[in-house]
Amino acid sequence: MTFRPLHDRVLVRRVEAEEKTAGGIIIPDTAKEKPQEGEVVSVGSGTRGEDGTITPLDVKAGDKILFGKWSGTEVRLEGEDLLIMKESDILGIVG
């Protein structure tokens, strides 16, 4: 993929939701919620301070992250649904 987000933005691919509950009940597509977990595909260069220095982001491509329910903007790139969000929308890195 040739897309690179700008500044403090991150490109994220959602992790697929589970098909079954822990008790074995199959969840239909209409009842599934969008997952709040994803994988970082690409990151911007970082935030620019008032003195002109660039502070790199804490996340990197390949990190598994958790983000808020209404975070980011949904985009479709090369036939794939992705999210673009600011680093501040990321709640944490799953590790």
PDB file of N, CA and C in Angstrom:
ATOM      1  N   MET A   1       0.842  -1.168   0.000  1.00  0.00           N
ATOM      2  CA  MET A   1       0.000   0.000   0.000  1.00  0.00           C
ATOM      3  C   MET A   1       0.893   1.239   0.000  1.00  0.00           C
ATOM      4  N   THR A   2       0.522   2.247  -0.764  1.00  0.00           N
ATOM      5  CA  THR A   2       1.366   3.430  -0.905  1.00  0.00           C
ATOM      6  C   THR A   2       0.841   4.632  -0.124  1.00  0.00           C
ATOM      7  N   PHE A   3      -0.113   4.440   0.756  1.00  0.00           N
ATOM      8  CA  PHE A   3      -0.680   5.541   1.535  1.00  0.00           C
ATOM      9  C   PHE A   3       0.106   5.728   2.821  1.00  0.00           C
ATOM     10  N   ARG A   4       0.464   6.974   3.139  1.00  0.00           N
ATOM     11  CA  ARG A   4       1.131   7.297   4.405  1.00  0.00           C
ATOM     12  C   ARG A   4       0.406   8.470   5.040  1.00  0.00           C
ATOM     13  N   PRO A   5      -0.108   8.304   6.268  1.00  0.00           N
ATOM     14  CA  PRO A   5      -0.811   9.396   6.937  1.00  0.00           C
ATOM     15  C   PRO A   5       0.143  10.545   7.270  1.00  0.00           C
ATOM     16  N   LEU A   6      -0.409  11.718   7.451  1.00  0.00           N
ATOM     17  CA  LEU A   6       0.395  12.888   7.779  1.00  0.00           C
ATOM     18  C   LEU A   6       0.411  13.145   9.286  1.00  0.00           C
ATOM     19  N   HIS A   7       1.478  13.778   9.737  1.00  0.00           N
ATOM     20  CA  HIS A   7       1.659  14.274  11.106  1.00  0.00           C
ATOM     21  C   HIS A   7       1.398  13.196  12.155  1.00  0.00           C
ATOM     22  N   ASP A   8       0.386  13.396  13.030  1.00  0.00           N
ATOM     23  CA  ASP A   8       0.161  12.456  14.138  1.00  0.00           C
ATOM     24  C   ASP A   8      -0.999  11.500  13.851  1.00  0.00           C
ATOM     25  N   ARG A   9      -1.241  11.221  12.592  1.00  0.00           N
ATOM     26  CA  ARG A   9      -2.331  10.316  12.223  1.00  0.00           C
ATOM     27  C   ARG A   9      -1.805   8.898  11.986  1.00  0.00           C
ATOM     28  N   VAL A  10      -2.721   7.931  12.152  1.00  0.00           N
ATOM     29  CA  VAL A  10      -2.377   6.515  12.068  1.00  0.00           C
ATOM     30  C   VAL A  10      -3.412   5.818  11.188  1.00  0.00           C
ATOM     31  N   LEU A  11      -2.973   4.924  10.314  1.00  0.00           N
ATOM     32  CA  LEU A  11      -3.860   4.117   9.487  1.00  0.00           C
ATOM     33  C   LEU A  11      -4.020   2.756  10.156  1.00  0.00           C
ATOM     34  N   VAL A  12      -5.279   2.343  10.417  1.00  0.00           N
ATOM     35  CA  VAL A  12      -5.561   1.149  11.215  1.00  0.00           C
ATOM     36  C   VAL A  12      -6.483   0.198  10.450  1.00  0.00           C
ATOM     37  N   ARG A  13      -6.186  -1.094  10.546  1.00  0.00           N
ATOM     38  CA  ARG A  13      -7.053  -2.154  10.008  1.00  0.00           C
ATOM     39  C   ARG A  13      -7.744  -2.798  11.201  1.00  0.00           C
ATOM     40  N   ARG A  14      -9.080  -2.831  11.168  1.00  0.00           N
ATOM     41  CA  ARG A  14      -9.830  -3.458  12.267  1.00  0.00           C
ATOM     42  C   ARG A  14      -9.564  -4.960  12.310  1.00  0.00           C
ATOM     43  N   VAL A  15      -9.526  -5.513  13.521  1.00  0.00           N
ATOM     44  CA  VAL A  15      -9.434  -6.958  13.719  1.00  0.00           C
ATOM     45  C   VAL A  15     -10.854  -7.499  13.596  1.00  0.00           C
ATOM     46  N   GLU A  16     -11.021  -8.629  12.933  1.00  0.00           N
ATOM     47  CA  GLU A  16     -12.348  -9.205  12.724  1.00  0.00           C
ATOM     48  C   GLU A  16     -12.996  -9.595  14.043  1.00  0.00           C
ATOM     49  N   ALA A  17     -14.300  -9.364  14.139  1.00  0.00           N
ATOM     50  CA  ALA A  17     -15.064  -9.704  15.343  1.00  0.00           C
ATOM     51  C   ALA A  17     -15.250 -11.219  15.435  1.00  0.00           C
ATOM     52  N   GLU A  18     -15.428 -11.692  16.647  1.00  0.00           N
ATOM     53  CA  GLU A  18     -15.643 -13.125  16.879  1.00  0.00           C
ATOM     54  C   GLU A  18     -16.986 -13.561  16.301  1.00  0.00           C
ATOM     55  N   GLU A  19     -17.034 -14.776  15.784  1.00  0.00           N
ATOM     56  CA  GLU A  19     -18.257 -15.334  15.216  1.00  0.00           C
ATOM     57  C   GLU A  19     -19.150 -15.961  16.294  1.00  0.00           C
ATOM     58  N   LYS A  20     -18.529 -16.385  17.420  1.00  0.00           N
ATOM     59  CA  LYS A  20     -19.264 -17.054  18.488  1.00  0.00           C
ATOM     60  C   LYS A  20     -18.950 -16.402  19.824  1.00  0.00           C
ATOM     61  N   THR A  21     -19.870 -16.566  20.775  1.00  0.00           N
ATOM     62  CA  THR A  21     -19.603 -16.137  22.143  1.00  0.00           C
ATOM     63  C   THR A  21     -18.821 -17.244  22.849  1.00  0.00           C
ATOM     64  N   ALA A  22     -18.394 -16.979  24.067  1.00  0.00           N
ATOM     65  CA  ALA A  22     -17.652 -17.983  24.830  1.00  0.00           C
ATOM     66  C   ALA A  22     -18.517 -19.213  25.108  1.00  0.00           C
ATOM     67  N   GLY A  23     -19.837 -19.023  25.174  1.00  0.00           N
ATOM     68  CA  GLY A  23     -20.755 -20.135  25.426  1.00  0.00           C
ATOM     69  C   GLY A  23     -21.123 -20.920  24.178  1.00  0.00           C
ATOM     70  N   GLY A  24     -20.626 -20.499  23.005  1.00  0.00           N
ATOM     71  CA  GLY A  24     -20.871 -21.230  21.774  1.00  0.00           C
ATOM     72  C   GLY A  24     -22.031 -20.706  20.941  1.00  0.00           C
ATOM     73  N   ILE A  25     -22.646 -19.591  21.349  1.00  0.00           N
ATOM     74  CA  ILE A  25     -23.753 -19.018  20.590  1.00  0.00           C
ATOM     75  C   ILE A  25     -23.197 -18.273  19.389  1.00  0.00           C
ATOM     76  N   ILE A  26     -23.713 -18.547  18.208  1.00  0.00           N
ATOM     77  CA  ILE A  26     -23.255 -17.890  16.977  1.00  0.00           C
ATOM     78  C   ILE A  26     -23.937 -16.525  16.862  1.00  0.00           C
ATOM     79  N   ILE A  27     -23.141 -15.497  16.616  1.00  0.00           N
ATOM     80  CA  ILE A  27     -23.644 -14.132  16.514  1.00  0.00           C
ATOM     81  C   ILE A  27     -23.919 -13.811  15.050  1.00  0.00           C
ATOM     82  N   PRO A  28     -25.156 -13.425  14.692  1.00  0.00           N
ATOM     83  CA  PRO A  28     -25.433 -13.063  13.298  1.00  0.00           C
ATOM     84  C   PRO A  28     -24.774 -11.732  12.935  1.00  0.00           C
ATOM     85  N   ASP A  29     -24.539 -11.524  11.647  1.00  0.00           N
ATOM     86  CA  ASP A  29     -23.877 -10.301  11.181  1.00  0.00           C
ATOM     87  C   ASP A  29     -24.615  -9.041  11.612  1.00  0.00           C
ATOM     88  N   THR A  30     -25.927  -9.084  11.661  1.00  0.00           N
ATOM     89  CA  THR A  30     -26.704  -7.885  12.011  1.00  0.00           C
ATOM     90  C   THR A  30     -26.544  -7.494  13.472  1.00  0.00           C
ATOM     91  N   ALA A  31     -26.164  -8.422  14.332  1.00  0.00           N
ATOM     92  CA  ALA A  31     -26.034  -8.143  15.761  1.00  0.00           C
ATOM     93  C   ALA A  31     -24.606  -7.832  16.184  1.00  0.00           C
ATOM     94  N   LYS A  32     -23.651  -7.984  15.273  1.00  0.00           N
ATOM     95  CA  LYS A  32     -22.252  -7.763  15.634  1.00  0.00           C
ATOM     96  C   LYS A  32     -21.954  -6.279  15.777  1.00  0.00           C
ATOM     97  N   GLU A  33     -21.148  -5.948  16.773  1.00  0.00           N
ATOM     98  CA  GLU A  33     -20.640  -4.592  16.909  1.00  0.00           C
ATOM     99  C   GLU A  33     -19.285  -4.528  16.234  1.00  0.00           C
ATOM    100  N   LYS A  34     -18.923  -3.339  15.771  1.00  0.00           N
ATOM    101  CA  LYS A  34     -17.603  -3.179  15.162  1.00  0.00           C
ATOM    102  C   LYS A  34     -16.555  -3.312  16.252  1.00  0.00           C
ATOM    103  N   PRO A  35     -15.499  -4.069  15.997  1.00  0.00           N
ATOM    104  CA  PRO A  35     -14.471  -4.264  17.025  1.00  0.00           C
ATOM    105  C   PRO A  35     -13.727  -2.963  17.323  1.00  0.00           C
ATOM    106  N   GLN A  36     -13.255  -2.846  18.545  1.00  0.00           N
ATOM    107  CA  GLN A  36     -12.495  -1.682  18.971  1.00  0.00           C
ATOM    108  C   GLN A  36     -11.016  -2.019  19.068  1.00  0.00           C
ATOM    109  N   GLU A  37     -10.618  -3.051  18.361  1.00  0.00           N
ATOM    110  CA  GLU A  37      -9.225  -3.475  18.332  1.00  0.00           C
ATOM    111  C   GLU A  37      -8.777  -3.478  16.881  1.00  0.00           C
ATOM    112  N   GLY A  38      -7.516  -3.115  16.654  1.00  0.00           N
ATOM    113  CA  GLY A  38      -7.016  -3.083  15.294  1.00  0.00           C
ATOM    114  C   GLY A  38      -5.517  -3.243  15.227  1.00  0.00           C
ATOM    115  N   GLU A  39      -5.019  -3.263  14.001  1.00  0.00           N
ATOM    116  CA  GLU A  39      -3.587  -3.366  13.751  1.00  0.00           C
ATOM    117  C   GLU A  39      -3.147  -2.125  12.988  1.00  0.00           C
ATOM    118  N   VAL A  40      -2.064  -1.498  13.437  1.00  0.00           N
ATOM    119  CA  VAL A  40      -1.544  -0.309  12.779  1.00  0.00           C
ATOM    120  C   VAL A  40      -0.910  -0.716  11.454  1.00  0.00           C
ATOM    121  N   VAL A  41      -1.363  -0.088  10.368  1.00  0.00           N
ATOM    122  CA  VAL A  41      -0.833  -0.373   9.041  1.00  0.00           C
ATOM    123  C   VAL A  41       0.289   0.599   8.704  1.00  0.00           C
ATOM    124  N   SER A  42       0.074   1.878   9.029  1.00  0.00           N
ATOM    125  CA  SER A  42       1.037   2.917   8.682  1.00  0.00           C
ATOM    126  C   SER A  42       0.895   4.087   9.656  1.00  0.00           C
ATOM    127  N   VAL A  43       1.990   4.799   9.906  1.00  0.00           N
ATOM    128  CA  VAL A  43       1.957   5.947  10.819  1.00  0.00           C
ATOM    129  C   VAL A  43       2.561   7.176  10.142  1.00  0.00           C
ATOM    130  N   GLY A  44       2.159   8.343  10.627  1.00  0.00           N
ATOM    131  CA  GLY A  44       2.709   9.600  10.130  1.00  0.00           C
ATOM    132  C   GLY A  44       4.077   9.860  10.739  1.00  0.00           C
ATOM    133  N   SER A  45       4.651  10.999  10.380  1.00  0.00           N
ATOM    134  CA  SER A  45       6.009  11.323  10.823  1.00  0.00           C
ATOM    135  C   SER A  45       6.078  11.763  12.281  1.00  0.00           C
ATOM    136  N   GLY A  46       4.998  12.279  12.843  1.00  0.00           N
ATOM    137  CA  GLY A  46       4.993  12.710  14.225  1.00  0.00           C
ATOM    138  C   GLY A  46       4.460  14.119  14.365  1.00  0.00           C
ATOM    139  N   THR A  47       4.403  14.594  15.598  1.00  0.00           N
ATOM    140  CA  THR A  47       3.904  15.945  15.858  1.00  0.00           C
ATOM    141  C   THR A  47       5.060  16.932  15.839  1.00  0.00           C
ATOM    142  N   ARG A  48       4.782  18.115  15.343  1.00  0.00           N
ATOM    143  CA  ARG A  48       5.800  19.167  15.281  1.00  0.00           C
ATOM    144  C   ARG A  48       5.572  20.130  16.446  1.00  0.00           C
ATOM    145  N   GLY A  49       6.599  20.320  17.252  1.00  0.00           N
ATOM    146  CA  GLY A  49       6.517  21.229  18.380  1.00  0.00           C
ATOM    147  C   GLY A  49       6.629  22.675  17.942  1.00  0.00           C
ATOM    148  N   GLU A  50       6.430  23.597  18.871  1.00  0.00           N
ATOM    149  CA  GLU A  50       6.500  25.025  18.561  1.00  0.00           C
ATOM    150  C   GLU A  50       7.898  25.450  18.134  1.00  0.00           C
ATOM    151  N   ASP A  51       8.916  24.736  18.605  1.00  0.00           N
ATOM    152  CA  ASP A  51      10.291  25.074  18.228  1.00  0.00           C
ATOM    153  C   ASP A  51      10.719  24.389  16.923  1.00  0.00           C
ATOM    154  N   GLY A  52       9.808  23.625  16.290  1.00  0.00           N
ATOM    155  CA  GLY A  52      10.095  22.998  15.005  1.00  0.00           C
ATOM    156  C   GLY A  52      10.587  21.563  15.076  1.00  0.00           C
ATOM    157  N   THR A  53      10.818  21.057  16.271  1.00  0.00           N
ATOM    158  CA  THR A  53      11.284  19.673  16.391  1.00  0.00           C
ATOM    159  C   THR A  53      10.119  18.709  16.187  1.00  0.00           C
ATOM    160  N   ILE A  54      10.411  17.561  15.597  1.00  0.00           N
ATOM    161  CA  ILE A  54       9.386  16.547  15.360  1.00  0.00           C
ATOM    162  C   ILE A  54       9.511  15.467  16.427  1.00  0.00           C
ATOM    163  N   THR A  55       8.390  15.201  17.110  1.00  0.00           N
ATOM    164  CA  THR A  55       8.331  14.153  18.118  1.00  0.00           C
ATOM    165  C   THR A  55       7.699  12.929  17.480  1.00  0.00           C
ATOM    166  N   PRO A  56       8.428  11.804  17.362  1.00  0.00           N
ATOM    167  CA  PRO A  56       7.858  10.612  16.717  1.00  0.00           C
ATOM    168  C   PRO A  56       6.694  10.039  17.531  1.00  0.00           C
ATOM    169  N   LEU A  57       5.851   9.261  16.864  1.00  0.00           N
ATOM    170  CA  LEU A  57       4.702   8.646  17.521  1.00  0.00           C
ATOM    171  C   LEU A  57       5.136   7.443  18.355  1.00  0.00           C
ATOM    172  N   ASP A  58       4.308   7.094  19.357  1.00  0.00           N
ATOM    173  CA  ASP A  58       4.603   5.954  20.224  1.00  0.00           C
ATOM    174  C   ASP A  58       4.247   4.626  19.576  1.00  0.00           C
ATOM    175  N   VAL A  59       3.354   4.650  18.582  1.00  0.00           N
ATOM    176  CA  VAL A  59       2.961   3.409  17.901  1.00  0.00           C
ATOM    177  C   VAL A  59       3.732   3.260  16.604  1.00  0.00           C
ATOM    178  N   LYS A  60       3.839   2.013  16.134  1.00  0.00           N
ATOM    179  CA  LYS A  60       4.522   1.753  14.868  1.00  0.00           C
ATOM    180  C   LYS A  60       3.713   0.732  14.087  1.00  0.00           C
ATOM    181  N   ALA A  61       4.003   0.584  12.821  1.00  0.00           N
ATOM    182  CA  ALA A  61       3.295  -0.366  11.972  1.00  0.00           C
ATOM    183  C   ALA A  61       3.431  -1.773  12.560  1.00  0.00           C
ATOM    184  N   GLY A  62       2.326  -2.492  12.613  1.00  0.00           N
ATOM    185  CA  GLY A  62       2.316  -3.847  13.150  1.00  0.00           C
ATOM    186  C   GLY A  62       1.817  -3.937  14.576  1.00  0.00           C
ATOM    187  N   ASP A  63       1.738  -2.817  15.306  1.00  0.00           N
ATOM    188  CA  ASP A  63       1.245  -2.835  16.684  1.00  0.00           C
ATOM    189  C   ASP A  63      -0.241  -3.162  16.718  1.00  0.00           C
ATOM    190  N   LYS A  64      -0.659  -3.962  17.702  1.00  0.00           N
ATOM    191  CA  LYS A  64      -2.080  -4.215  17.962  1.00  0.00           C
ATOM    192  C   LYS A  64      -2.532  -3.169  18.982  1.00  0.00           C
ATOM    193  N   ILE A  65      -3.635  -2.476  18.663  1.00  0.00           N
ATOM    194  CA  ILE A  65      -4.073  -1.365  19.510  1.00  0.00           C
ATOM    195  C   ILE A  65      -5.546  -1.486  19.873  1.00  0.00           C
ATOM    196  N   LEU A  66      -5.942  -0.757  20.915  1.00  0.00           N
ATOM    197  CA  LEU A  66      -7.337  -0.559  21.282  1.00  0.00           C
ATOM    198  C   LEU A  66      -7.656   0.904  21.061  1.00  0.00           C
ATOM    199  N   PHE A  67      -8.857   1.185  20.532  1.00  0.00           N
ATOM    200  CA  PHE A  67      -9.250   2.573  20.297  1.00  0.00           C
ATOM    201  C   PHE A  67     -10.702   2.758  20.705  1.00  0.00           C
ATOM    202  N   GLY A  68     -11.116   4.025  20.836  1.00  0.00           N
ATOM    203  CA  GLY A  68     -12.470   4.346  21.259  1.00  0.00           C
ATOM    204  C   GLY A  68     -13.513   3.920  20.247  1.00  0.00           C
ATOM    205  N   LYS A  69     -14.738   3.757  20.707  1.00  0.00           N
ATOM    206  CA  LYS A  69     -15.832   3.252  19.883  1.00  0.00           C
ATOM    207  C   LYS A  69     -16.102   4.137  18.673  1.00  0.00           C
ATOM    208  N   TRP A  70     -16.045   5.441  18.820  1.00  0.00           N
ATOM    209  CA  TRP A  70     -16.366   6.363  17.730  1.00  0.00           C
ATOM    210  C   TRP A  70     -15.127   7.036  17.170  1.00  0.00           C
ATOM    211  N   SER A  71     -13.971   6.443  17.340  1.00  0.00           N
ATOM    212  CA  SER A  71     -12.706   7.037  16.897  1.00  0.00           C
ATOM    213  C   SER A  71     -12.493   6.866  15.404  1.00  0.00           C
ATOM    214  N   GLY A  72     -11.824   7.834  14.814  1.00  0.00           N
ATOM    215  CA  GLY A  72     -11.349   7.702  13.450  1.00  0.00           C
ATOM    216  C   GLY A  72     -12.368   7.976  12.367  1.00  0.00           C
ATOM    217  N   THR A  73     -11.855   8.008  11.153  1.00  0.00           N
ATOM    218  CA  THR A  73     -12.644   8.210   9.951  1.00  0.00           C
ATOM    219  C   THR A  73     -12.479   6.980   9.071  1.00  0.00           C
ATOM    220  N   GLU A  74     -13.595   6.395   8.664  1.00  0.00           N
ATOM    221  CA  GLU A  74     -13.534   5.199   7.829  1.00  0.00           C
ATOM    222  C   GLU A  74     -13.215   5.583   6.392  1.00  0.00           C
ATOM    223  N   VAL A  75     -12.257   4.877   5.795  1.00  0.00           N
ATOM    224  CA  VAL A  75     -11.874   5.090   4.398  1.00  0.00           C
ATOM    225  C   VAL A  75     -11.767   3.732   3.710  1.00  0.00           C
ATOM    226  N   ARG A  76     -11.852   3.755   2.392  1.00  0.00           N
ATOM    227  CA  ARG A  76     -11.695   2.530   1.608  1.00  0.00           C
ATOM    228  C   ARG A  76     -10.510   2.732   0.681  1.00  0.00           C
ATOM    229  N   LEU A  77      -9.439   1.964   0.895  1.00  0.00           N
ATOM    230  CA  LEU A  77      -8.232   2.052   0.086  1.00  0.00           C
ATOM    231  C   LEU A  77      -7.952   0.693  -0.539  1.00  0.00           C
ATOM    232  N   GLU A  78      -7.809   0.667  -1.850  1.00  0.00           N
ATOM    233  CA  GLU A  78      -7.508  -0.562  -2.583  1.00  0.00           C
ATOM    234  C   GLU A  78      -8.463  -1.697  -2.214  1.00  0.00           C
ATOM    235  N   GLY A  79      -9.760  -1.373  -2.057  1.00  0.00           N
ATOM    236  CA  GLY A  79     -10.780  -2.371  -1.766  1.00  0.00           C
ATOM    237  C   GLY A  79     -10.838  -2.834  -0.328  1.00  0.00           C
ATOM    238  N   GLU A  80     -10.109  -2.201   0.569  1.00  0.00           N
ATOM    239  CA  GLU A  80     -10.069  -2.607   1.973  1.00  0.00           C
ATOM    240  C   GLU A  80     -10.580  -1.466   2.844  1.00  0.00           C
ATOM    241  N   ASP A  81     -11.446  -1.789   3.831  1.00  0.00           N
ATOM    242  CA  ASP A  81     -11.963  -0.793   4.752  1.00  0.00           C
ATOM    243  C   ASP A  81     -10.957  -0.563   5.873  1.00  0.00           C
ATOM    244  N   LEU A  82     -10.506   0.687   6.031  1.00  0.00           N
ATOM    245  CA  LEU A  82      -9.517   1.052   7.037  1.00  0.00           C
ATOM    246  C   LEU A  82      -9.997   2.265   7.811  1.00  0.00           C
ATOM    247  N   LEU A  83      -9.294   2.602   8.880  1.00  0.00           N
ATOM    248  CA  LEU A  83      -9.582   3.786   9.685  1.00  0.00           C
ATOM    249  C   LEU A  83      -8.367   4.693   9.708  1.00  0.00           C
ATOM    250  N   ILE A  84      -8.612   5.993   9.641  1.00  0.00           N
ATOM    251  CA  ILE A  84      -7.548   6.980   9.875  1.00  0.00           C
ATOM    252  C   ILE A  84      -7.922   7.697  11.160  1.00  0.00           C
ATOM    253  N   MET A  85      -6.989   7.714  12.119  1.00  0.00           N
ATOM    254  CA  MET A  85      -7.273   8.383  13.396  1.00  0.00           C
ATOM    255  C   MET A  85      -6.019   9.060  13.912  1.00  0.00           C
ATOM    256  N   LYS A  86      -6.217   9.992  14.824  1.00  0.00           N
ATOM    257  CA  LYS A  86      -5.088  10.649  15.475  1.00  0.00           C
ATOM    258  C   LYS A  86      -4.531   9.705  16.538  1.00  0.00           C
ATOM    259  N   GLU A  87      -3.272   9.865  16.841  1.00  0.00           N
ATOM    260  CA  GLU A  87      -2.654   9.014  17.856  1.00  0.00           C
ATOM    261  C   GLU A  87      -3.358   9.194  19.215  1.00  0.00           C
ATOM    262  N   SER A  88      -3.880  10.366  19.477  1.00  0.00           N
ATOM    263  CA  SER A  88      -4.546  10.605  20.754  1.00  0.00           C
ATOM    264  C   SER A  88      -5.849   9.815  20.906  1.00  0.00           C
ATOM    265  N   ASP A  89      -6.422   9.291  19.798  1.00  0.00           N
ATOM    266  CA  ASP A  89      -7.620   8.454  19.854  1.00  0.00           C
ATOM    267  C   ASP A  89      -7.302   7.024  20.269  1.00  0.00           C
ATOM    268  N   ILE A  90      -6.025   6.655  20.249  1.00  0.00           N
ATOM    269  CA  ILE A  90      -5.617   5.301  20.619  1.00  0.00           C
ATOM    270  C   ILE A  90      -5.545   5.202  22.133  1.00  0.00           C
ATOM    271  N   LEU A  91      -6.217   4.175  22.677  1.00  0.00           N
ATOM    272  CA  LEU A  91      -6.260   3.998  24.128  1.00  0.00           C
ATOM    273  C   LEU A  91      -5.045   3.260  24.663  1.00  0.00           C
ATOM    274  N   GLY A  92      -4.495   2.337  23.870  1.00  0.00           N
ATOM    275  CA  GLY A  92      -3.333   1.599  24.330  1.00  0.00           C
ATOM    276  C   GLY A  92      -2.887   0.556  23.325  1.00  0.00           C
ATOM    277  N   ILE A  93      -1.701   0.011  23.572  1.00  0.00           N
ATOM    278  CA  ILE A  93      -1.126  -1.025  22.737  1.00  0.00           C
ATOM    279  C   ILE A  93      -1.315  -2.364  23.445  1.00  0.00           C
ATOM    280  N   VAL A  94      -1.853  -3.351  22.717  1.00  0.00           N
ATOM    281  CA  VAL A  94      -2.060  -4.686  23.277  1.00  0.00           C
ATOM    282  C   VAL A  94      -0.777  -5.463  23.050  1.00  0.00           C
ATOM    283  N   GLY A  95      -0.211  -6.014  24.096  1.00  0.00           N
ATOM    284  CA  GLY A  95       1.065  -6.632  23.873  1.00  0.00           C
ATOM    285  C   GLY A  95       1.322  -7.842  24.614  1.00  0.00           C
TER     286      GLY A  95
END
